[in-house]
Protein backbone atom coordinates (compact mmCIF):
# COMPACT_ATOMS: atom_id res chain seq x y z
CA UNK A 1 -2.99 26.28 6.91
CA UNK A 2 -1.35 23.48 4.99
CA UNK A 3 -3.46 21.40 2.60
CA UNK A 4 -2.34 17.77 2.60
CA UNK A 5 -4.42 14.96 1.16
CA UNK A 6 -4.28 11.36 2.31
CA UNK A 7 -1.97 10.32 -0.51
CA UNK A 8 0.48 13.09 0.41
CA UNK A 9 0.35 12.01 4.06
CA UNK A 10 1.11 8.39 3.14
CA UNK A 11 4.04 9.51 0.96
CA UNK A 12 5.36 11.69 3.80
CA UNK A 13 5.17 8.76 6.24
CA UNK A 14 7.03 6.51 3.78
CA UNK A 15 9.78 9.12 3.43
CA UNK A 16 10.02 9.88 7.16
CA UNK A 17 9.57 6.44 8.67
CA UNK A 18 8.89 3.82 6.03
CA UNK A 19 9.92 0.93 8.25
CA UNK A 20 7.48 1.77 11.07
CA UNK A 21 4.35 -0.33 11.43
CA UNK A 22 1.34 1.09 9.59
CA UNK A 23 -1.22 -1.74 9.72
CA UNK A 24 -1.62 -4.82 11.89
CA UNK A 25 -4.40 -7.36 11.48
CA UNK A 26 -4.11 -10.12 14.02
CA UNK A 27 -6.78 -12.41 12.57
CA UNK A 28 -5.37 -12.06 9.03
CA UNK A 29 -1.81 -12.44 10.33
CA UNK A 30 -0.76 -9.30 8.44
CA UNK A 31 1.76 -6.70 9.59
CA UNK A 32 2.75 -3.98 7.12
CA UNK A 33 5.07 -1.05 7.48
CA UNK A 34 4.42 2.22 5.63
CA UNK A 35 6.65 1.30 2.69
CA UNK A 36 4.91 -2.05 2.22
CA UNK A 37 1.48 -0.45 2.54
CA UNK A 38 2.39 2.17 -0.05
CA UNK A 39 3.69 -0.49 -2.45
CA UNK A 40 0.48 -2.50 -2.08
CA UNK A 41 -1.69 0.58 -2.59
CA UNK A 42 0.21 1.67 -5.72
CA UNK A 43 0.11 -1.82 -7.21
CA UNK A 44 -3.65 -2.22 -6.66
CA UNK A 45 -4.42 1.33 -7.85
CA UNK A 46 -2.52 0.72 -11.09
CA UNK A 47 -4.35 -2.55 -11.62
CA UNK A 48 -7.74 -0.94 -10.94
CA UNK A 49 -7.01 1.79 -13.44
CA UNK A 50 -5.66 -0.54 -16.14
CA UNK A 51 -8.19 -3.38 -15.82
CA UNK A 52 -11.38 -1.46 -15.12
CA UNK A 53 -10.49 1.88 -16.74
CA UNK A 54 -11.63 3.77 -13.65
CA UNK A 55 -10.89 7.45 -14.13
CA UNK A 56 -11.06 10.61 -12.07
CA UNK A 57 -14.68 11.53 -11.40
CA UNK A 58 -15.98 7.96 -11.54
CA UNK A 59 -18.08 6.81 -8.60
CA UNK A 60 -16.71 3.78 -6.79
CA UNK A 61 -18.12 2.05 -3.74
CA UNK A 62 -16.15 -0.14 -1.36
CA UNK A 63 -18.08 -2.68 0.72
CA UNK A 64 -15.88 -4.86 2.84
CA UNK A 65 -15.23 -6.25 6.27
CA UNK A 66 -12.86 -4.33 8.50
CA UNK A 67 -9.61 -5.80 7.19
CA UNK A 68 -6.26 -5.02 5.62
CA UNK A 69 -7.84 -5.29 2.17
CA UNK A 70 -10.36 -2.60 3.14
CA UNK A 71 -7.55 -0.26 4.21
CA UNK A 72 -5.63 -0.97 0.98
CA UNK A 73 -8.71 -0.46 -1.22
CA UNK A 74 -9.69 2.77 0.54
CA UNK A 75 -6.20 4.21 0.16
CA UNK A 76 -5.90 3.17 -3.49
CA UNK A 77 -9.06 5.11 -4.30
CA UNK A 78 -7.51 8.19 -2.70
CA UNK A 79 -4.38 7.56 -4.74
CA UNK A 80 -6.49 7.58 -7.89
CA UNK A 81 -8.17 10.78 -6.63
CA UNK A 82 -11.55 9.11 -6.79
CA UNK A 83 -12.72 9.98 -3.29
CA UNK A 84 -13.39 13.57 -2.33
CA UNK A 85 -15.23 15.16 0.57
């Protein structure tokens, strides 16, 4: 069995097919490929860490409408290794 977390899977998709569509939100008029999604996630994760000093082990809740921003926020928390199951 191979252990791969969500961050690793996103990185693999960027490396394998970064230009393929990852997210589409018709009502927000947003289309992002895997490379763009990864860039957005990394940028927001860095900002969250620097501005709010959120560290590994902190509890963070995301309450949002079903939107591109929800996807980005959810993935950034995985990038920061803040969500575990």
